[in-house]
Each structure stands twice: as structure tokens, then as C-alpha cells.
Amino acid sequence: MGTIPTRVEADLYEAAKTAGALMSRSAAQQINHWARVGREFEVTPGVSHRDVEAVLSGAAHYDTIGGREQALVRVQWRDGIEAAREALDLEGEFLAEGEAWVEADADGRVIARSASAPTS
């Protein structure tokens, strides 16, 4: 997925930096997230934002909301999972803890990694 440069208002950028920091996203990632959520709201009239927020906060169950609201919840969940995955640095964590680990290479062979040497 490519990126295209665009201009945004300074206050929106600052709000995205603040909100993004709370969600482990960059300002650009946060603006993209807001754009995807906004797009879903526009193409699905009658969606209850309150119901979506209730599920995301854990105050309501996913199965109790309508299909349109579920679609928005899934967008939020996907973005959260993607941000968490991008923030992972398991090699760095293992090295910092002095732990050895194993992983599969591109051909599926098991490779043992030493806790003392980076994999580069």
C-alpha cells in the first residue's frame, strides 16, 4: 500500500499525534485510521456510534450490536492489531533479556538463535 502526500490542518495533526500516542500509532497512522472509520460511518447511515464505543470499551458485547456497527468495530480491532504487530520487536526483547529463541526461516526450516548475537 503506497502513500500520497497531503496537507492537513495543524490542529488535526496535533490531535492525531496526541490520540495516536495513546494507541501506539504515528500521527499519519491515526489520521488514516480516522479516515477509514469516517468512511465506514458515511457509507453506513443509521450506525450508532454509541454502540460501537460501548463494544470497544468492553461495556457491551459484539454480538448485541447490528451488522453495520460490527463492521466499524472490526475496523477498530484490525487497526489496533496492526499497530500492536508493527510495534513488536521480539528479537530486541529476547536479546535484551539474554534469551535464546528459535524461529522458522523463509523455507520453514527451524533456526536456533543465540541470545548474544543479532540475526542481521
PDB file of N, CA and C in Angstrom:
ATOM      1  N   MET A   1       0.853  -1.168   0.000  1.00  0.00           N
ATOM      2  CA  MET A   1       0.000   0.000   0.000  1.00  0.00           C
ATOM      3  C   MET A   1       0.902   1.234   0.000  1.00  0.00           C
ATOM      4  N   GLY A   2       0.739   2.105  -0.965  1.00  0.00           N
ATOM      5  CA  GLY A   2       1.561   3.288  -1.070  1.00  0.00           C
ATOM      6  C   GLY A   2       0.971   4.469  -0.322  1.00  0.00           C
ATOM      7  N   THR A   3       1.755   5.509  -0.212  1.00  0.00           N
ATOM      8  CA  THR A   3       1.280   6.725   0.435  1.00  0.00           C
ATOM      9  C   THR A   3       1.327   7.869  -0.559  1.00  0.00           C
ATOM     10  N   ILE A   4       0.470   8.839  -0.324  1.00  0.00           N
ATOM     11  CA  ILE A   4       0.408  10.031  -1.155  1.00  0.00           C
ATOM     12  C   ILE A   4       0.488  11.226  -0.216  1.00  0.00           C
ATOM     13  N   PRO A   5       1.397  12.163  -0.474  1.00  0.00           N
ATOM     14  CA  PRO A   5       1.491  13.316   0.413  1.00  0.00           C
ATOM     15  C   PRO A   5       0.208  14.151   0.358  1.00  0.00           C
ATOM     16  N   THR A   6      -0.184  14.656   1.497  1.00  0.00           N
ATOM     17  CA  THR A   6      -1.367  15.507   1.574  1.00  0.00           C
ATOM     18  C   THR A   6      -1.184  16.509   2.697  1.00  0.00           C
ATOM     19  N   ARG A   7      -1.942  17.561   2.664  1.00  0.00           N
ATOM     20  CA  ARG A   7      -1.878  18.583   3.710  1.00  0.00           C
ATOM     21  C   ARG A   7      -3.072  18.424   4.628  1.00  0.00           C
ATOM     22  N   VAL A   8      -2.829  18.583   5.916  1.00  0.00           N
ATOM     23  CA  VAL A   8      -3.913  18.565   6.897  1.00  0.00           C
ATOM     24  C   VAL A   8      -3.757  19.797   7.782  1.00  0.00           C
ATOM     25  N   GLU A   9      -4.861  20.210   8.365  1.00  0.00           N
ATOM     26  CA  GLU A   9      -4.830  21.346   9.281  1.00  0.00           C
ATOM     27  C   GLU A   9      -3.924  21.025  10.472  1.00  0.00           C
ATOM     28  N   ALA A  10      -3.236  22.039  10.971  1.00  0.00           N
ATOM     29  CA  ALA A  10      -2.303  21.852  12.081  1.00  0.00           C
ATOM     30  C   ALA A  10      -2.994  21.295  13.314  1.00  0.00           C
ATOM     31  N   ASP A  11      -4.214  21.758  13.605  1.00  0.00           N
ATOM     32  CA  ASP A  11      -4.899  21.272  14.806  1.00  0.00           C
ATOM     33  C   ASP A  11      -5.274  19.799  14.669  1.00  0.00           C
ATOM     34  N   LEU A  12      -5.624  19.359  13.453  1.00  0.00           N
ATOM     35  CA  LEU A  12      -5.927  17.958  13.228  1.00  0.00           C
ATOM     36  C   LEU A  12      -4.670  17.110  13.402  1.00  0.00           C
ATOM     37  N   TYR A  13      -3.555  17.601  12.888  1.00  0.00           N
ATOM     38  CA  TYR A  13      -2.290  16.876  13.024  1.00  0.00           C
ATOM     39  C   TYR A  13      -1.900  16.734  14.492  1.00  0.00           C
ATOM     40  N   GLU A  14      -2.031  17.820  15.250  1.00  0.00           N
ATOM     41  CA  GLU A  14      -1.685  17.778  16.677  1.00  0.00           C
ATOM     42  C   GLU A  14      -2.611  16.832  17.433  1.00  0.00           C
ATOM     43  N   ALA A  15      -3.899  16.847  17.096  1.00  0.00           N
ATOM     44  CA  ALA A  15      -4.843  15.925  17.726  1.00  0.00           C
ATOM     45  C   ALA A  15      -4.488  14.483  17.376  1.00  0.00           C
ATOM     46  N   ALA A  16      -4.070  14.255  16.147  1.00  0.00           N
ATOM     47  CA  ALA A  16      -3.684  12.907  15.721  1.00  0.00           C
ATOM     48  C   ALA A  16      -2.423  12.444  16.446  1.00  0.00           C
ATOM     49  N   LYS A  17      -1.483  13.340  16.670  1.00  0.00           N
ATOM     50  CA  LYS A  17      -0.276  12.989  17.424  1.00  0.00           C
ATOM     51  C   LYS A  17      -0.650  12.556  18.836  1.00  0.00           C
ATOM     52  N   THR A  18      -1.535  13.310  19.468  1.00  0.00           N
ATOM     53  CA  THR A  18      -1.942  13.005  20.836  1.00  0.00           C
ATOM     54  C   THR A  18      -2.713  11.687  20.902  1.00  0.00           C
ATOM     55  N   ALA A  19      -3.725  11.558  20.058  1.00  0.00           N
ATOM     56  CA  ALA A  19      -4.533  10.331  20.052  1.00  0.00           C
ATOM     57  C   ALA A  19      -3.695   9.130  19.615  1.00  0.00           C
ATOM     58  N   GLY A  20      -2.847   9.329  18.640  1.00  0.00           N
ATOM     59  CA  GLY A  20      -2.013   8.246  18.147  1.00  0.00           C
ATOM     60  C   GLY A  20      -1.053   7.729  19.204  1.00  0.00           C
ATOM     61  N   ALA A  21      -0.498   8.620  20.001  1.00  0.00           N
ATOM     62  CA  ALA A  21       0.416   8.199  21.066  1.00  0.00           C
ATOM     63  C   ALA A  21      -0.290   7.263  22.050  1.00  0.00           C
ATOM     64  N   LEU A  22      -1.553   7.524  22.320  1.00  0.00           N
ATOM     65  CA  LEU A  22      -2.313   6.673  23.236  1.00  0.00           C
ATOM     66  C   LEU A  22      -2.590   5.298  22.647  1.00  0.00           C
ATOM     67  N   MET A  23      -2.636   5.225  21.312  1.00  0.00           N
ATOM     68  CA  MET A  23      -2.980   3.973  20.632  1.00  0.00           C
ATOM     69  C   MET A  23      -1.763   3.329  19.954  1.00  0.00           C
ATOM     70  N   SER A  24      -0.554   3.815  20.263  1.00  0.00           N
ATOM     71  CA  SER A  24       0.683   3.309  19.655  1.00  0.00           C
ATOM     72  C   SER A  24       0.675   3.461  18.143  1.00  0.00           C
ATOM     73  N   ARG A  25       0.176   4.613  17.683  1.00  0.00           N
ATOM     74  CA  ARG A  25       0.168   4.929  16.256  1.00  0.00           C
ATOM     75  C   ARG A  25       0.904   6.241  16.038  1.00  0.00           C
ATOM     76  N   SER A  26       1.476   6.399  14.856  1.00  0.00           N
ATOM     77  CA  SER A  26       2.027   7.696  14.474  1.00  0.00           C
ATOM     78  C   SER A  26       0.858   8.624  14.138  1.00  0.00           C
ATOM     79  N   ALA A  27       1.143   9.900  13.976  1.00  0.00           N
ATOM     80  CA  ALA A  27       0.098  10.848  13.583  1.00  0.00           C
ATOM     81  C   ALA A  27      -0.504  10.439  12.244  1.00  0.00           C
ATOM     82  N   ALA A  28       0.336  10.030  11.286  1.00  0.00           N
ATOM     83  CA  ALA A  28      -0.170   9.615   9.976  1.00  0.00           C
ATOM     84  C   ALA A  28      -1.053   8.374  10.099  1.00  0.00           C
ATOM     85  N   GLN A  29      -0.635   7.412  10.907  1.00  0.00           N
ATOM     86  CA  GLN A  29      -1.448   6.212  11.106  1.00  0.00           C
ATOM     87  C   GLN A  29      -2.788   6.563  11.745  1.00  0.00           C
ATOM     88  N   GLN A  30      -2.774   7.509  12.686  1.00  0.00           N
ATOM     89  CA  GLN A  30      -4.009   7.905  13.355  1.00  0.00           C
ATOM     90  C   GLN A  30      -4.956   8.602  12.377  1.00  0.00           C
ATOM     91  N   ILE A  31      -4.430   9.468  11.545  1.00  0.00           N
ATOM     92  CA  ILE A  31      -5.265  10.151  10.554  1.00  0.00           C
ATOM     93  C   ILE A  31      -5.846   9.134   9.582  1.00  0.00           C
ATOM     94  N   ASN A  32      -5.041   8.159   9.147  1.00  0.00           N
ATOM     95  CA  ASN A  32      -5.559   7.105   8.271  1.00  0.00           C
ATOM     96  C   ASN A  32      -6.652   6.306   8.968  1.00  0.00           C
ATOM     97  N   HIS A  33      -6.460   6.013  10.230  1.00  0.00           N
ATOM     98  CA  HIS A  33      -7.472   5.287  11.000  1.00  0.00           C
ATOM     99  C   HIS A  33      -8.773   6.091  11.046  1.00  0.00           C
ATOM    100  N   TRP A  34      -8.672   7.365  11.406  1.00  0.00           N
ATOM    101  CA  TRP A  34      -9.869   8.207  11.452  1.00  0.00           C
ATOM    102  C   TRP A  34     -10.554   8.263  10.090  1.00  0.00           C
ATOM    103  N   ALA A  35      -9.776   8.324   9.029  1.00  0.00           N
ATOM    104  CA  ALA A  35     -10.358   8.382   7.687  1.00  0.00           C
ATOM    105  C   ALA A  35     -11.123   7.100   7.372  1.00  0.00           C
ATOM    106  N   ARG A  36     -10.554   5.934   7.722  1.00  0.00           N
ATOM    107  CA  ARG A  36     -11.249   4.665   7.470  1.00  0.00           C
ATOM    108  C   ARG A  36     -12.536   4.572   8.279  1.00  0.00           C
ATOM    109  N   VAL A  37     -12.471   4.973   9.549  1.00  0.00           N
ATOM    110  CA  VAL A  37     -13.675   4.929  10.389  1.00  0.00           C
ATOM    111  C   VAL A  37     -14.716   5.896   9.838  1.00  0.00           C
ATOM    112  N   GLY A  38     -14.298   7.093   9.477  1.00  0.00           N
ATOM    113  CA  GLY A  38     -15.218   8.069   8.906  1.00  0.00           C
ATOM    114  C   GLY A  38     -15.854   7.585   7.622  1.00  0.00           C
ATOM    115  N   ARG A  39     -15.066   6.938   6.785  1.00  0.00           N
ATOM    116  CA  ARG A  39     -15.596   6.383   5.539  1.00  0.00           C
ATOM    117  C   ARG A  39     -16.683   5.358   5.840  1.00  0.00           C
ATOM    118  N   GLU A  40     -16.446   4.498   6.824  1.00  0.00           N
ATOM    119  CA  GLU A  40     -17.440   3.487   7.188  1.00  0.00           C
ATOM    120  C   GLU A  40     -18.714   4.135   7.710  1.00  0.00           C
ATOM    121  N   PHE A  41     -18.570   5.199   8.510  1.00  0.00           N
ATOM    122  CA  PHE A  41     -19.761   5.891   9.007  1.00  0.00           C
ATOM    123  C   PHE A  41     -20.562   6.519   7.874  1.00  0.00           C
ATOM    124  N   GLU A  42     -19.885   7.086   6.902  1.00  0.00           N
ATOM    125  CA  GLU A  42     -20.589   7.732   5.801  1.00  0.00           C
ATOM    126  C   GLU A  42     -21.331   6.747   4.909  1.00  0.00           C
ATOM    127  N   VAL A  43     -20.755   5.574   4.708  1.00  0.00           N
ATOM    128  CA  VAL A  43     -21.405   4.613   3.810  1.00  0.00           C
ATOM    129  C   VAL A  43     -22.403   3.709   4.536  1.00  0.00           C
ATOM    130  N   THR A  44     -22.504   3.860   5.843  1.00  0.00           N
ATOM    131  CA  THR A  44     -23.450   3.046   6.607  1.00  0.00           C
ATOM    132  C   THR A  44     -24.323   3.957   7.466  1.00  0.00           C
ATOM    133  N   PRO A  45     -25.304   4.622   6.847  1.00  0.00           N
ATOM    134  CA  PRO A  45     -26.168   5.515   7.607  1.00  0.00           C
ATOM    135  C   PRO A  45     -26.949   4.740   8.671  1.00  0.00           C
ATOM    136  N   GLY A  46     -27.263   5.409   9.746  1.00  0.00           N
ATOM    137  CA  GLY A  46     -28.015   4.794  10.820  1.00  0.00           C
ATOM    138  C   GLY A  46     -27.161   4.043  11.816  1.00  0.00           C
ATOM    139  N   VAL A  47     -25.854   4.135  11.700  1.00  0.00           N
ATOM    140  CA  VAL A  47     -24.951   3.453  12.628  1.00  0.00           C
ATOM    141  C   VAL A  47     -24.941   4.193  13.957  1.00  0.00           C
ATOM    142  N   SER A  48     -24.968   3.438  15.029  1.00  0.00           N
ATOM    143  CA  SER A  48     -24.916   4.019  16.365  1.00  0.00           C
ATOM    144  C   SER A  48     -23.472   4.074  16.853  1.00  0.00           C
ATOM    145  N   HIS A  49     -22.923   5.288  16.863  1.00  0.00           N
ATOM    146  CA  HIS A  49     -21.558   5.476  17.351  1.00  0.00           C
ATOM    147  C   HIS A  49     -21.471   5.061  18.822  1.00  0.00           C
ATOM    148  N   ARG A  50     -22.515   5.317  19.569  1.00  0.00           N
ATOM    149  CA  ARG A  50     -22.548   4.957  20.994  1.00  0.00           C
ATOM    150  C   ARG A  50     -22.397   3.441  21.164  1.00  0.00           C
ATOM    151  N   ASP A  51     -23.087   2.662  20.332  1.00  0.00           N
ATOM    152  CA  ASP A  51     -22.984   1.203  20.416  1.00  0.00           C
ATOM    153  C   ASP A  51     -21.574   0.723  20.080  1.00  0.00           C
ATOM    154  N   VAL A  52     -20.970   1.322  19.070  1.00  0.00           N
ATOM    155  CA  VAL A  52     -19.606   0.954  18.691  1.00  0.00           C
ATOM    156  C   VAL A  52     -18.656   1.229  19.845  1.00  0.00           C
ATOM    157  N   GLU A  53     -18.747   2.410  20.431  1.00  0.00           N
ATOM    158  CA  GLU A  53     -17.876   2.768  21.551  1.00  0.00           C
ATOM    159  C   GLU A  53     -18.101   1.846  22.748  1.00  0.00           C
ATOM    160  N   ALA A  54     -19.350   1.450  22.984  1.00  0.00           N
ATOM    161  CA  ALA A  54     -19.645   0.560  24.117  1.00  0.00           C
ATOM    162  C   ALA A  54     -18.943  -0.781  23.945  1.00  0.00           C
ATOM    163  N   VAL A  55     -18.942  -1.313  22.733  1.00  0.00           N
ATOM    164  CA  VAL A  55     -18.257  -2.586  22.488  1.00  0.00           C
ATOM    165  C   VAL A  55     -16.751  -2.410  22.636  1.00  0.00           C
ATOM    166  N   LEU A  56     -16.217  -1.341  22.062  1.00  0.00           N
ATOM    167  CA  LEU A  56     -14.770  -1.125  22.117  1.00  0.00           C
ATOM    168  C   LEU A  56     -14.277  -0.905  23.543  1.00  0.00           C
ATOM    169  N   SER A  57     -15.116  -0.340  24.386  1.00  0.00           N
ATOM    170  CA  SER A  57     -14.708  -0.105  25.780  1.00  0.00           C
ATOM    171  C   SER A  57     -14.965  -1.309  26.668  1.00  0.00           C
ATOM    172  N   GLY A  58     -15.638  -2.325  26.130  1.00  0.00           N
ATOM    173  CA  GLY A  58     -15.933  -3.519  26.912  1.00  0.00           C
ATOM    174  C   GLY A  58     -17.237  -3.445  27.677  1.00  0.00           C
ATOM    175  N   ALA A  59     -18.007  -2.378  27.491  1.00  0.00           N
ATOM    176  CA  ALA A  59     -19.270  -2.208  28.205  1.00  0.00           C
ATOM    177  C   ALA A  59     -20.422  -2.964  27.536  1.00  0.00           C
ATOM    178  N   ALA A  60     -20.237  -3.401  26.302  1.00  0.00           N
ATOM    179  CA  ALA A  60     -21.272  -4.145  25.587  1.00  0.00           C
ATOM    180  C   ALA A  60     -20.605  -5.278  24.815  1.00  0.00           C
ATOM    181  N   HIS A  61     -21.388  -6.247  24.391  1.00  0.00           N
ATOM    182  CA  HIS A  61     -20.869  -7.395  23.646  1.00  0.00           C
ATOM    183  C   HIS A  61     -21.062  -7.189  22.149  1.00  0.00           C
ATOM    184  N   TYR A  62     -20.089  -7.650  21.398  1.00  0.00           N
ATOM    185  CA  TYR A  62     -20.088  -7.544  19.938  1.00  0.00           C
ATOM    186  C   TYR A  62     -21.369  -8.111  19.332  1.00  0.00           C
ATOM    187  N   ASP A  63     -21.825  -9.253  19.830  1.00  0.00           N
ATOM    188  CA  ASP A  63     -22.997  -9.922  19.259  1.00  0.00           C
ATOM    189  C   ASP A  63     -24.310  -9.191  19.508  1.00  0.00           C
ATOM    190  N   THR A  64     -24.295  -8.167  20.363  1.00  0.00           N
ATOM    191  CA  THR A  64     -25.534  -7.454  20.677  1.00  0.00           C
ATOM    192  C   THR A  64     -25.754  -6.239  19.797  1.00  0.00           C
ATOM    193  N   ILE A  65     -24.801  -5.923  18.921  1.00  0.00           N
ATOM    194  CA  ILE A  65     -24.949  -4.745  18.063  1.00  0.00           C
ATOM    195  C   ILE A  65     -25.240  -5.176  16.630  1.00  0.00           C
ATOM    196  N   GLY A  66     -25.709  -4.249  15.840  1.00  0.00           N
ATOM    197  CA  GLY A  66     -26.069  -4.535  14.448  1.00  0.00           C
ATOM    198  C   GLY A  66     -24.866  -4.786  13.566  1.00  0.00           C
ATOM    199  N   GLY A  67     -25.131  -5.276  12.380  1.00  0.00           N
ATOM    200  CA  GLY A  67     -24.079  -5.601  11.426  1.00  0.00           C
ATOM    201  C   GLY A  67     -23.229  -4.415  11.028  1.00  0.00           C
ATOM    202  N   ARG A  68     -23.844  -3.258  10.875  1.00  0.00           N
ATOM    203  CA  ARG A  68     -23.087  -2.063  10.495  1.00  0.00           C
ATOM    204  C   ARG A  68     -22.138  -1.645  11.614  1.00  0.00           C
ATOM    205  N   GLU A  69     -22.631  -1.709  12.847  1.00  0.00           N
ATOM    206  CA  GLU A  69     -21.783  -1.376  13.989  1.00  0.00           C
ATOM    207  C   GLU A  69     -20.652  -2.391  14.125  1.00  0.00           C
ATOM    208  N   GLN A  70     -20.963  -3.670  13.870  1.00  0.00           N
ATOM    209  CA  GLN A  70     -19.932  -4.700  13.923  1.00  0.00           C
ATOM    210  C   GLN A  70     -18.825  -4.422  12.914  1.00  0.00           C
ATOM    211  N   ALA A  71     -19.200  -3.935  11.731  1.00  0.00           N
ATOM    212  CA  ALA A  71     -18.196  -3.612  10.716  1.00  0.00           C
ATOM    213  C   ALA A  71     -17.236  -2.545  11.226  1.00  0.00           C
ATOM    214  N   LEU A  72     -17.763  -1.547  11.902  1.00  0.00           N
ATOM    215  CA  LEU A  72     -16.899  -0.492  12.440  1.00  0.00           C
ATOM    216  C   LEU A  72     -16.023  -1.017  13.567  1.00  0.00           C
ATOM    217  N   VAL A  73     -16.566  -1.867  14.402  1.00  0.00           N
ATOM    218  CA  VAL A  73     -15.772  -2.466  15.474  1.00  0.00           C
ATOM    219  C   VAL A  73     -14.618  -3.265  14.867  1.00  0.00           C
ATOM    220  N   ARG A  74     -14.903  -4.014  13.813  1.00  0.00           N
ATOM    221  CA  ARG A  74     -13.839  -4.795  13.175  1.00  0.00           C
ATOM    222  C   ARG A  74     -12.737  -3.896  12.614  1.00  0.00           C
ATOM    223  N   VAL A  75     -13.090  -2.743  12.067  1.00  0.00           N
ATOM    224  CA  VAL A  75     -12.084  -1.791  11.580  1.00  0.00           C
ATOM    225  C   VAL A  75     -11.199  -1.357  12.742  1.00  0.00           C
ATOM    226  N   GLN A  76     -11.816  -1.031  13.856  1.00  0.00           N
ATOM    227  CA  GLN A  76     -11.057  -0.595  15.036  1.00  0.00           C
ATOM    228  C   GLN A  76     -10.140  -1.713  15.514  1.00  0.00           C
ATOM    229  N   TRP A  77     -10.681  -2.921  15.606  1.00  0.00           N
ATOM    230  CA  TRP A  77      -9.872  -4.051  16.067  1.00  0.00           C
ATOM    231  C   TRP A  77      -8.713  -4.308  15.122  1.00  0.00           C
ATOM    232  N   ARG A  78      -8.985  -4.291  13.807  1.00  0.00           N
ATOM    233  CA  ARG A  78      -7.922  -4.537  12.829  1.00  0.00           C
ATOM    234  C   ARG A  78      -6.806  -3.512  12.962  1.00  0.00           C
ATOM    235  N   ASP A  79      -7.189  -2.244  13.100  1.00  0.00           N
ATOM    236  CA  ASP A  79      -6.176  -1.199  13.236  1.00  0.00           C
ATOM    237  C   ASP A  79      -5.366  -1.368  14.515  1.00  0.00           C
ATOM    238  N   GLY A  80      -6.028  -1.759  15.592  1.00  0.00           N
ATOM    239  CA  GLY A  80      -5.327  -1.983  16.852  1.00  0.00           C
ATOM    240  C   GLY A  80      -4.349  -3.139  16.769  1.00  0.00           C
ATOM    241  N   ILE A  81      -4.777  -4.213  16.128  1.00  0.00           N
ATOM    242  CA  ILE A  81      -3.902  -5.378  15.956  1.00  0.00           C
ATOM    243  C   ILE A  81      -2.716  -5.008  15.077  1.00  0.00           C
ATOM    244  N   GLU A  82      -2.977  -4.279  14.004  1.00  0.00           N
ATOM    245  CA  GLU A  82      -1.902  -3.870  13.097  1.00  0.00           C
ATOM    246  C   GLU A  82      -0.879  -2.990  13.818  1.00  0.00           C
ATOM    247  N   ALA A  83      -1.344  -2.054  14.621  1.00  0.00           N
ATOM    248  CA  ALA A  83      -0.430  -1.180  15.365  1.00  0.00           C
ATOM    249  C   ALA A  83       0.386  -1.980  16.373  1.00  0.00           C
ATOM    250  N   ALA A  84      -0.249  -2.907  17.057  1.00  0.00           N
ATOM    251  CA  ALA A  84       0.466  -3.730  18.033  1.00  0.00           C
ATOM    252  C   ALA A  84       1.507  -4.607  17.344  1.00  0.00           C
ATOM    253  N   ARG A  85       1.142  -5.171  16.198  1.00  0.00           N
ATOM    254  CA  ARG A  85       2.076  -6.019  15.452  1.00  0.00           C
ATOM    255  C   ARG A  85       3.288  -5.224  14.970  1.00  0.00           C
ATOM    256  N   GLU A  86       3.033  -4.017  14.466  1.00  0.00           N
ATOM    257  CA  GLU A  86       4.127  -3.181  13.971  1.00  0.00           C
ATOM    258  C   GLU A  86       5.067  -2.750  15.096  1.00  0.00           C
ATOM    259  N   ALA A  87       4.553  -2.659  16.308  1.00  0.00           N
ATOM    260  CA  ALA A  87       5.364  -2.228  17.442  1.00  0.00           C
ATOM    261  C   ALA A  87       6.211  -3.358  18.025  1.00  0.00           C
ATOM    262  N   LEU A  88       5.959  -4.596  17.615  1.00  0.00           N
ATOM    263  CA  LEU A  88       6.704  -5.727  18.157  1.00  0.00           C
ATOM    264  C   LEU A  88       8.163  -5.710  17.722  1.00  0.00           C
ATOM    265  N   ASP A  89       9.039  -6.006  18.659  1.00  0.00           N
ATOM    266  CA  ASP A  89      10.454  -6.215  18.382  1.00  0.00           C
ATOM    267  C   ASP A  89      10.901  -7.387  19.252  1.00  0.00           C
ATOM    268  N   LEU A  90      10.438  -8.577  18.900  1.00  0.00           N
ATOM    269  CA  LEU A  90      10.729  -9.746  19.721  1.00  0.00           C
ATOM    270  C   LEU A  90      12.217 -10.046  19.771  1.00  0.00           C
ATOM    271  N   GLU A  91      12.912  -9.894  18.647  1.00  0.00           N
ATOM    272  CA  GLU A  91      14.354 -10.120  18.653  1.00  0.00           C
ATOM    273  C   GLU A  91      15.031  -9.199  19.656  1.00  0.00           C
ATOM    274  N   GLY A  92      14.673  -7.932  19.637  1.00  0.00           N
ATOM    275  CA  GLY A  92      15.251  -6.977  20.584  1.00  0.00           C
ATOM    276  C   GLY A  92      14.939  -7.328  22.030  1.00  0.00           C
ATOM    277  N   GLU A  93      13.712  -7.764  22.272  1.00  0.00           N
ATOM    278  CA  GLU A  93      13.326  -8.153  23.634  1.00  0.00           C
ATOM    279  C   GLU A  93      14.114  -9.374  24.091  1.00  0.00           C
ATOM    280  N   PHE A  94      14.234 -10.388  23.220  1.00  0.00           N
ATOM    281  CA  PHE A  94      14.986 -11.584  23.594  1.00  0.00           C
ATOM    282  C   PHE A  94      16.450 -11.250  23.857  1.00  0.00           C
ATOM    283  N   LEU A  95      17.032 -10.437  22.979  1.00  0.00           N
ATOM    284  CA  LEU A  95      18.436 -10.057  23.176  1.00  0.00           C
ATOM    285  C   LEU A  95      18.617  -9.275  24.470  1.00  0.00           C
ATOM    286  N   ALA A  96      17.713  -8.346  24.754  1.00  0.00           N
ATOM    287  CA  ALA A  96      17.808  -7.551  25.978  1.00  0.00           C
ATOM    288  C   ALA A  96      17.712  -8.420  27.234  1.00  0.00           C
ATOM    289  N   GLU A  97      16.924  -9.492  27.143  1.00  0.00           N
ATOM    290  CA  GLU A  97      16.755 -10.402  28.284  1.00  0.00           C
ATOM    291  C   GLU A  97      17.811 -11.499  28.314  1.00  0.00           C
ATOM    292  N   GLY A  98      18.654 -11.578  27.267  1.00  0.00           N
ATOM    293  CA  GLY A  98      19.664 -12.621  27.205  1.00  0.00           C
ATOM    294  C   GLY A  98      19.074 -13.996  26.952  1.00  0.00           C
ATOM    295  N   GLU A  99      17.943 -14.039  26.254  1.00  0.00           N
ATOM    296  CA  GLU A  99      17.249 -15.293  25.984  1.00  0.00           C
ATOM    297  C   GLU A  99      17.514 -15.758  24.553  1.00  0.00           C
ATOM    298  N   ALA A 100      17.778 -17.047  24.394  1.00  0.00           N
ATOM    299  CA  ALA A 100      17.878 -17.640  23.060  1.00  0.00           C
ATOM    300  C   ALA A 100      16.462 -17.937  22.578  1.00  0.00           C
ATOM    301  N   TRP A 101      16.286 -18.099  21.255  1.00  0.00           N
ATOM    302  CA  TRP A 101      14.967 -18.418  20.708  1.00  0.00           C
ATOM    303  C   TRP A 101      15.131 -19.179  19.404  1.00  0.00           C
ATOM    304  N   VAL A 102      14.041 -19.779  18.957  1.00  0.00           N
ATOM    305  CA  VAL A 102      14.034 -20.452  17.662  1.00  0.00           C
ATOM    306  C   VAL A 102      12.958 -19.824  16.801  1.00  0.00           C
ATOM    307  N   GLU A 103      13.171 -19.879  15.502  1.00  0.00           N
ATOM    308  CA  GLU A 103      12.204 -19.351  14.554  1.00  0.00           C
ATOM    309  C   GLU A 103      12.339 -20.121  13.256  1.00  0.00           C
ATOM    310  N   ALA A 104      11.389 -19.965  12.375  1.00  0.00           N
ATOM    311  CA  ALA A 104      11.433 -20.611  11.069  1.00  0.00           C
ATOM    312  C   ALA A 104      11.954 -19.616  10.040  1.00  0.00           C
ATOM    313  N   ASP A 105      12.794 -20.103   9.129  1.00  0.00           N
ATOM    314  CA  ASP A 105      13.255 -19.233   8.048  1.00  0.00           C
ATOM    315  C   ASP A 105      12.212 -19.230   6.929  1.00  0.00           C
ATOM    316  N   ALA A 106      12.502 -18.568   5.830  1.00  0.00           N
ATOM    317  CA  ALA A 106      11.543 -18.430   4.731  1.00  0.00           C
ATOM    318  C   ALA A 106      11.148 -19.776   4.125  1.00  0.00           C
ATOM    319  N   ASP A 107      12.008 -20.792   4.273  1.00  0.00           N
ATOM    320  CA  ASP A 107      11.715 -22.122   3.735  1.00  0.00           C
ATOM    321  C   ASP A 107      11.105 -23.055   4.777  1.00  0.00           C
ATOM    322  N   GLY A 108      10.832 -22.534   5.979  1.00  0.00           N
ATOM    323  CA  GLY A 108      10.213 -23.342   7.021  1.00  0.00           C
ATOM    324  C   GLY A 108      11.187 -24.139   7.872  1.00  0.00           C
ATOM    325  N   ARG A 109      12.485 -23.937   7.664  1.00  0.00           N
ATOM    326  CA  ARG A 109      13.478 -24.642   8.485  1.00  0.00           C
ATOM    327  C   ARG A 109      13.604 -23.953   9.838  1.00  0.00           C
ATOM    328  N   VAL A 110      13.777 -24.744  10.886  1.00  0.00           N
ATOM    329  CA  VAL A 110      13.925 -24.209  12.232  1.00  0.00           C
ATOM    330  C   VAL A 110      15.336 -23.685  12.411  1.00  0.00           C
ATOM    331  N   ILE A 111      15.439 -22.440  12.877  1.00  0.00           N
ATOM    332  CA  ILE A 111      16.734 -21.796  13.108  1.00  0.00           C
ATOM    333  C   ILE A 111      16.822 -21.434  14.582  1.00  0.00           C
ATOM    334  N   ALA A 112      17.892 -21.890  15.251  1.00  0.00           N
ATOM    335  CA  ALA A 112      18.132 -21.532  16.654  1.00  0.00           C
ATOM    336  C   ALA A 112      18.941 -20.245  16.677  1.00  0.00           C
ATOM    337  N   ARG A 113      18.484 -19.295  17.460  1.00  0.00           N
ATOM    338  CA  ARG A 113      19.170 -18.001  17.587  1.00  0.00           C
ATOM    339  C   ARG A 113      19.831 -17.888  18.951  1.00  0.00           C
ATOM    340  N   SER A 114      21.020 -17.359  18.963  1.00  0.00           N
ATOM    341  CA  SER A 114      21.761 -17.156  20.195  1.00  0.00           C
ATOM    342  C   SER A 114      21.321 -15.860  20.862  1.00  0.00           C
ATOM    343  N   ALA A 115      21.353 -15.838  22.161  1.00  0.00           N
ATOM    344  CA  ALA A 115      20.990 -14.637  22.886  1.00  0.00           C
ATOM    345  C   ALA A 115      22.062 -13.565  22.809  1.00  0.00           C
ATOM    346  N   SER A 116      23.221 -13.919  22.250  1.00  0.00           N
ATOM    347  CA  SER A 116      24.335 -12.974  22.249  1.00  0.00           C
ATOM    348  C   SER A 116      24.601 -12.304  20.910  1.00  0.00           C
ATOM    349  N   ALA A 117      23.942 -12.743  19.834  1.00  0.00           N
ATOM    350  CA  ALA A 117      24.256 -12.180  18.520  1.00  0.00           C
ATOM    351  C   ALA A 117      22.985 -11.826  17.757  1.00  0.00           C
ATOM    352  N   PRO A 118      22.931 -10.614  17.193  1.00  0.00           N
ATOM    353  CA  PRO A 118      21.772 -10.244  16.378  1.00  0.00           C
ATOM    354  C   PRO A 118      21.675 -11.126  15.133  1.00  0.00           C
ATOM    355  N   THR A 119      20.468 -11.178  14.542  1.00  0.00           N
ATOM    356  CA  THR A 119      20.229 -12.041  13.382  1.00  0.00           C
ATOM    357  C   THR A 119      20.543 -11.394  12.052  1.00  0.00           C
ATOM    358  N   SER A 120      20.971 -10.169  12.011  1.00  0.00           N
ATOM    359  CA  SER A 120      21.191  -9.463  10.742  1.00  0.00           C
ATOM    360  C   SER A 120      22.109 -10.135   9.839  1.00  0.00           C
TER     361      SER A 120
END
